[in-house]
Amino acid sequence: MSDQSNSRQDIYTRITASIVAQLETGVQPWIRPWSAGHPAGPITRPLRVGGQPYSGINVLSLWASAIAQKFAAPIWMTYRQAQELGGQVRKGERGSPVVYANAMIRTATDPRSGDEVETSIRFLKGYTVFNVEQIDGLPSQFYAPPPERTEPLQRIKRADAFFAATGAAIEHGGSRAFYRPSTDTIRMPPFGLFRDAESYYATLAHEGTHWTSHAARLAREFEGKRFGSEGYAMEELVAELGAAFLCSDLDLALANDGHDAGAQHLEAHSSYIANWLTVLKNDSRAVFTAAAHAQRAADYLHRLQGATAAAVAS
């Protein structure tokens, strides 16, 4: 095995291990551990030093690191970036892993035709970042505390507008939330049955992620649909991660206390965690795959914003 393959496997193993460690304590590392507010504006995902949000597996990796090390700040940077800003990572601080995916073009001679053929080769590169709470001497704005949230607990207009714009058929009634593929509908308990507004929208985001799996949308399907199967566990993991990404994007704060408000509709929560642990321990790449599918689902729902109104107007 090449050095590059060994390095790639180390990245998969390291990030998966950090997520497994959190799940084994009953904490889901895809619920962001910090306040959504920041003096620079609303915080959604973990941020690079320039303010750009991370995506996919890097969101999970940095959320897990923040939970494990009790960081409240959402901003991360490399050792060199900290130095360029006049800061210094404190001695003994441990960095957190993130990855960079790209492709390179290689030219080779086709042995049959003798022609030069270009081949795209995908690669994954890992590097280390530090939370601003691990760094001394940065400009003051990196340490500014977030403002207090003042939004009352009531229906959240931006979230209602987001899910309405998807065009998904959403019905209300009963005490269970689920997506029914046969009718292509989402079923939600009445709003008043949830412990808070964020729980309702997190649950709707979970089911909305399932909704994207339809053949007419992203055509996502894993082998095995029976409860307890790896395919079922993978789809549920995708839905949980998709909901986490969407809640972050919509600035919906959820408490990570071992009882996920967004997943309270799951009837056997401990069984879900056990199933996810089995999948992740059997395949260190599984969470990377789930995160990629979840990111595609979230991106798909974002692309629908405004599309419904445009269709009606045309």
Protein backbone atom coordinates (compact mmCIF):
# COMPACT_ATOMS: atom_id res chain seq x y z
CA MET A 1 0.00 0.00 0.00
CA SER A 2 1.34 3.44 -0.91
CA ASP A 3 2.14 6.18 1.60
CA GLN A 4 -0.80 8.16 0.17
CA SER A 5 -3.15 5.21 0.81
CA ASN A 6 -1.83 4.84 4.36
CA SER A 7 -2.32 8.56 4.99
CA ARG A 8 -5.85 8.43 3.59
CA GLN A 9 -6.72 5.45 5.81
CA ASP A 10 -5.34 7.28 8.84
CA ILE A 11 -7.65 10.22 8.07
CA TYR A 12 -10.70 7.96 7.78
CA THR A 13 -9.79 6.12 10.97
CA ARG A 14 -8.96 9.21 13.02
CA ILE A 15 -12.13 11.13 12.20
CA THR A 16 -14.37 8.06 12.51
CA ALA A 17 -12.81 7.22 15.88
CA SER A 18 -13.60 10.69 17.26
CA ILE A 19 -17.25 10.37 16.18
CA VAL A 20 -17.52 6.82 17.56
CA ALA A 21 -16.12 8.02 20.90
CA GLN A 22 -18.90 10.61 21.18
CA LEU A 23 -21.64 8.15 20.19
CA GLU A 24 -20.42 5.67 22.80
CA THR A 25 -21.15 8.27 25.48
CA GLY A 26 -24.67 8.78 24.09
CA VAL A 27 -23.84 12.19 22.58
CA GLN A 28 -24.44 12.83 18.91
CA PRO A 29 -21.57 14.98 17.59
CA TRP A 30 -23.66 16.38 14.75
CA ILE A 31 -25.48 18.75 17.10
CA ARG A 32 -23.39 21.90 17.12
CA PRO A 33 -21.95 22.60 20.57
CA TRP A 34 -21.84 26.41 20.47
CA SER A 35 -24.20 29.34 20.37
CA ALA A 36 -25.36 30.40 16.94
CA GLY A 37 -24.56 34.05 17.58
CA HIS A 38 -21.30 35.89 16.96
CA PRO A 39 -20.46 39.61 16.67
CA ALA A 40 -19.54 39.06 13.01
CA GLY A 41 -23.03 37.74 12.23
CA PRO A 42 -25.03 34.50 12.57
CA ILE A 43 -22.83 31.40 12.84
CA THR A 44 -24.01 28.35 10.93
CA ARG A 45 -21.21 25.81 10.34
CA PRO A 46 -17.69 25.66 11.74
CA LEU A 47 -15.80 28.49 10.06
CA ARG A 48 -12.39 28.83 8.46
CA VAL A 49 -10.29 31.82 9.46
CA GLY A 50 -11.64 33.84 6.52
CA GLY A 51 -15.26 33.21 7.51
CA GLN A 52 -16.03 30.48 4.94
CA PRO A 53 -18.05 27.58 6.39
CA TYR A 54 -16.80 24.00 6.35
CA SER A 55 -19.02 21.33 4.81
CA GLY A 56 -19.64 17.58 4.89
CA ILE A 57 -17.38 15.40 7.02
CA ASN A 58 -15.36 18.40 8.23
CA VAL A 59 -18.46 19.77 9.98
CA LEU A 60 -18.81 16.52 11.94
CA SER A 61 -15.11 16.29 12.71
CA LEU A 62 -14.93 19.82 14.12
CA TRP A 63 -18.23 19.53 16.00
CA ALA A 64 -16.90 16.33 17.63
CA SER A 65 -13.63 18.07 18.54
CA ALA A 66 -15.48 21.05 19.99
CA ILE A 67 -17.64 18.80 22.17
CA ALA A 68 -14.69 16.71 23.36
CA GLN A 69 -12.58 19.76 24.23
CA LYS A 70 -15.48 22.00 25.36
CA PHE A 71 -14.85 24.79 22.84
CA ALA A 72 -17.55 27.44 22.50
CA ALA A 73 -15.96 29.30 19.57
CA PRO A 74 -16.77 28.07 16.04
CA ILE A 75 -13.64 29.42 14.27
CA TRP A 76 -10.67 27.24 13.29
CA MET A 77 -7.31 27.90 11.62
CA THR A 78 -4.01 26.22 10.83
CA TYR A 79 -0.85 26.79 12.85
CA ARG A 80 0.58 28.96 10.09
CA GLN A 81 -2.59 31.04 9.77
CA ALA A 82 -2.50 31.71 13.50
CA GLN A 83 1.11 32.93 13.23
CA GLU A 84 0.27 35.16 10.27
CA LEU A 85 -2.38 36.84 12.43
CA GLY A 86 0.12 37.39 15.25
CA GLY A 87 -1.15 34.49 17.32
CA GLN A 88 0.55 31.44 18.79
CA VAL A 89 -0.93 28.01 19.43
CA ARG A 90 -0.34 27.21 23.09
CA LYS A 91 2.21 24.52 23.85
CA GLY A 92 0.65 21.09 24.27
CA GLU A 93 -2.59 21.90 22.41
CA ARG A 94 -3.90 19.12 20.19
CA GLY A 95 -5.12 19.98 16.72
CA SER A 96 -8.25 18.64 15.02
CA PRO A 97 -8.32 16.82 11.68
CA VAL A 98 -10.00 18.13 8.53
CA VAL A 99 -9.75 16.91 4.97
CA TYR A 100 -9.52 18.38 1.52
CA ALA A 101 -10.90 16.46 -1.45
CA ASN A 102 -9.84 17.24 -5.01
CA ALA A 103 -8.85 15.62 -8.27
CA MET A 104 -5.69 15.61 -10.34
CA ILE A 105 -5.27 14.89 -14.05
CA ARG A 106 -2.68 12.35 -15.15
CA THR A 107 -1.70 11.72 -18.73
CA ALA A 108 -0.76 8.21 -19.81
CA THR A 109 -0.26 6.37 -23.08
CA ASP A 110 -2.97 3.90 -24.04
CA PRO A 111 -1.07 0.64 -24.69
CA ARG A 112 -3.54 -0.41 -27.40
CA SER A 113 -3.93 2.77 -29.40
CA GLY A 114 -0.76 4.59 -28.46
CA ASP A 115 -2.82 7.75 -27.83
CA GLU A 116 -2.28 10.05 -24.87
CA VAL A 117 -5.21 9.65 -22.45
CA GLU A 118 -6.07 11.93 -19.54
CA THR A 119 -7.36 10.30 -16.35
CA SER A 120 -8.91 12.10 -13.38
CA ILE A 121 -7.69 10.73 -10.06
CA ARG A 122 -9.47 11.80 -6.88
CA PHE A 123 -7.46 12.21 -3.71
CA LEU A 124 -8.04 13.09 -0.10
CA LYS A 125 -5.58 15.20 1.86
CA GLY A 126 -5.68 15.71 5.60
CA TYR A 127 -4.44 18.64 7.59
CA THR A 128 -4.75 19.97 11.14
CA VAL A 129 -6.56 23.03 12.46
CA PHE A 130 -6.86 24.62 15.89
CA ASN A 131 -9.80 26.31 17.55
CA VAL A 132 -9.25 29.98 18.38
CA GLU A 133 -9.60 29.05 22.06
CA GLN A 134 -6.30 27.15 21.70
CA ILE A 135 -4.46 30.21 20.40
CA ASP A 136 -3.10 33.25 22.22
CA GLY A 137 -2.51 36.68 20.72
CA LEU A 138 -5.11 36.74 17.95
CA PRO A 139 -6.96 40.00 17.14
CA SER A 140 -9.73 40.72 19.65
CA GLN A 141 -12.62 39.90 17.29
CA PHE A 142 -11.73 36.21 17.42
CA TYR A 143 -12.42 36.12 21.16
CA ALA A 144 -15.57 38.26 21.30
CA PRO A 145 -18.44 36.53 23.16
CA PRO A 146 -21.68 35.87 21.27
CA PRO A 147 -24.71 38.04 22.01
CA GLU A 148 -27.59 36.54 23.98
CA ARG A 149 -30.42 35.00 21.99
CA THR A 150 -33.68 36.92 22.39
CA GLU A 151 -35.93 35.08 19.93
CA PRO A 152 -39.06 33.79 21.74
CA LEU A 153 -40.17 30.16 21.48
CA GLN A 154 -42.75 30.30 18.70
CA ARG A 155 -43.03 29.30 15.07
CA ILE A 156 -39.90 30.35 13.23
CA LYS A 157 -40.76 32.14 10.00
CA ARG A 158 -37.48 31.51 8.19
CA ALA A 159 -37.77 27.76 8.84
CA ASP A 160 -41.44 27.65 7.79
CA ALA A 161 -40.55 29.50 4.59
CA PHE A 162 -37.62 27.18 3.89
CA PHE A 163 -39.63 23.95 4.11
CA ALA A 164 -42.63 25.45 2.27
CA ALA A 165 -40.33 26.36 -0.63
CA THR A 166 -39.23 22.73 -1.06
CA GLY A 167 -42.71 21.83 -2.31
CA ALA A 168 -42.76 18.67 -0.17
CA ALA A 169 -46.21 17.40 0.79
CA ILE A 170 -46.31 17.70 4.60
CA GLU A 171 -49.24 16.32 6.59
CA HIS A 172 -49.85 16.74 10.32
CA GLY A 173 -51.49 14.33 12.73
CA GLY A 174 -50.79 11.46 15.11
CA SER A 175 -47.71 11.19 17.31
CA ARG A 176 -45.09 9.87 14.88
CA ALA A 177 -42.92 11.56 12.28
CA PHE A 178 -41.98 9.67 9.13
CA TYR A 179 -41.52 9.89 5.38
CA ARG A 180 -43.76 7.52 3.38
CA PRO A 181 -42.15 6.72 -0.02
CA SER A 182 -45.30 5.08 -1.41
CA THR A 183 -47.23 8.37 -1.27
CA ASP A 184 -44.16 10.65 -1.29
CA THR A 185 -45.44 12.46 1.77
CA ILE A 186 -43.97 13.61 5.09
CA ARG A 187 -46.07 12.98 8.19
CA MET A 188 -45.46 15.20 11.24
CA PRO A 189 -47.08 15.34 14.69
CA PRO A 190 -48.84 18.66 15.38
CA PHE A 191 -46.51 21.53 16.20
CA GLY A 192 -47.85 21.77 19.76
CA LEU A 193 -46.69 18.27 20.67
CA PHE A 194 -43.01 19.22 20.43
CA ARG A 195 -41.09 20.46 23.46
CA ASP A 196 -39.90 23.53 21.56
CA ALA A 197 -39.94 25.02 18.07
CA GLU A 198 -36.40 23.90 17.26
CA SER A 199 -37.36 20.27 17.93
CA TYR A 200 -40.19 20.50 15.43
CA TYR A 201 -38.02 21.92 12.65
CA ALA A 202 -35.15 19.54 13.37
CA THR A 203 -37.57 16.62 13.04
CA LEU A 204 -38.97 18.09 9.83
CA ALA A 205 -35.42 18.50 8.51
CA HIS A 206 -34.77 14.82 9.28
CA GLU A 207 -37.84 13.73 7.35
CA GLY A 208 -37.12 16.28 4.61
CA THR A 209 -33.72 14.66 4.13
CA HIS A 210 -35.45 11.29 3.73
CA TRP A 211 -37.74 13.00 1.16
CA THR A 212 -34.72 13.81 -1.02
CA SER A 213 -34.00 10.08 -1.41
CA HIS A 214 -36.97 9.65 -3.80
CA ALA A 215 -36.11 8.39 -7.30
CA ALA A 216 -37.34 11.67 -8.79
CA ARG A 217 -34.85 13.62 -6.66
CA LEU A 218 -31.49 12.24 -5.54
CA ALA A 219 -32.39 8.54 -6.02
CA ARG A 220 -30.51 7.57 -2.85
CA GLU A 221 -30.81 3.96 -1.78
CA PHE A 222 -28.71 1.73 0.45
CA GLU A 223 -28.86 -2.04 0.38
CA GLY A 224 -31.25 -3.34 3.03
CA LYS A 225 -34.30 -1.47 4.32
CA ARG A 226 -35.23 -3.59 7.36
CA PHE A 227 -34.86 -1.95 10.78
CA GLY A 228 -31.48 -2.92 12.21
CA SER A 229 -29.89 -3.55 8.82
CA GLU A 230 -26.80 -1.59 7.77
CA GLY A 231 -28.70 -0.04 4.86
CA TYR A 232 -31.44 1.20 7.19
CA ALA A 233 -28.89 2.53 9.65
CA MET A 234 -27.03 4.36 6.87
CA GLU A 235 -30.17 6.09 5.60
CA GLU A 236 -31.08 7.14 9.15
CA LEU A 237 -27.56 8.44 9.67
CA VAL A 238 -27.81 10.45 6.45
CA ALA A 239 -31.12 11.89 7.63
CA GLU A 240 -29.67 12.83 11.03
CA LEU A 241 -26.64 14.50 9.47
CA GLY A 242 -28.78 16.23 6.85
CA ALA A 243 -31.02 17.56 9.62
CA ALA A 244 -27.98 18.76 11.56
CA PHE A 245 -26.61 20.62 8.53
CA LEU A 246 -29.98 22.21 7.80
CA CYS A 247 -30.57 23.22 11.43
CA SER A 248 -27.16 24.85 11.41
CA ASP A 249 -27.90 26.68 8.17
CA LEU A 250 -31.26 27.85 9.51
CA ASP A 251 -29.72 28.99 12.83
CA LEU A 252 -31.77 26.57 14.92
CA ALA A 253 -30.08 25.95 18.29
CA LEU A 254 -30.33 22.43 19.72
CA ALA A 255 -29.01 21.24 23.07
CA ASN A 256 -26.46 18.41 22.96
CA ASP A 257 -27.19 16.77 26.29
CA GLY A 258 -27.39 13.18 25.16
CA HIS A 259 -31.08 13.57 24.24
CA ASP A 260 -31.26 14.99 20.74
CA ALA A 261 -34.26 17.28 20.42
CA GLY A 262 -34.25 16.76 16.68
CA ALA A 263 -34.41 13.00 16.97
CA GLN A 264 -37.01 12.70 19.74
CA HIS A 265 -39.35 11.09 17.22
CA LEU A 266 -37.03 8.08 16.91
CA GLU A 267 -38.82 5.36 18.81
CA ALA A 268 -35.75 3.44 19.98
CA HIS A 269 -33.05 6.06 20.20
CA SER A 270 -30.48 3.84 21.91
CA SER A 271 -31.04 1.23 19.20
CA TYR A 272 -30.27 3.79 16.51
CA ILE A 273 -27.01 4.74 18.20
CA ALA A 274 -26.10 1.06 18.54
CA ASN A 275 -26.82 0.51 14.84
CA TRP A 276 -24.73 3.55 13.83
CA LEU A 277 -21.85 2.35 16.00
CA THR A 278 -21.97 -1.06 14.32
CA VAL A 279 -21.82 0.52 10.86
CA LEU A 280 -19.04 2.95 11.74
CA LYS A 281 -16.92 0.35 13.49
CA ASN A 282 -17.24 -2.04 10.56
CA ASP A 283 -16.33 0.59 7.97
CA SER A 284 -14.26 3.67 8.79
CA ARG A 285 -15.42 5.26 5.52
CA ALA A 286 -19.14 4.93 6.30
CA VAL A 287 -19.48 8.30 8.04
CA PHE A 288 -17.65 9.99 5.14
CA THR A 289 -20.20 8.44 2.75
CA ALA A 290 -23.13 9.42 4.98
CA ALA A 291 -21.85 12.98 5.36
CA ALA A 292 -21.43 13.33 1.59
CA HIS A 293 -25.01 12.13 0.98
CA ALA A 294 -26.29 14.42 3.74
CA GLN A 295 -24.49 17.40 2.24
CA ARG A 296 -26.00 16.63 -1.18
CA ALA A 297 -29.47 16.40 0.41
CA ALA A 298 -29.05 19.73 2.20
CA ASP A 299 -27.72 21.35 -0.97
CA TYR A 300 -30.68 19.96 -2.93
CA LEU A 301 -33.19 21.48 -0.48
CA HIS A 302 -31.34 24.79 -0.60
CA ARG A 303 -31.55 24.80 -4.40
CA LEU A 304 -35.35 24.54 -4.17
CA GLN A 305 -35.58 27.87 -2.35
CA GLY A 306 -37.36 30.21 -4.72
CA ALA A 307 -37.92 27.47 -7.29
CA THR A 308 -41.53 26.92 -6.22
CA ALA A 309 -42.40 30.62 -6.45
CA ALA A 310 -40.68 30.85 -9.83
CA ALA A 311 -42.69 27.91 -11.15
CA VAL A 312 -45.96 29.46 -10.02
CA ALA A 313 -45.08 32.80 -11.61
CA SER A 314 -44.11 31.27 -14.98
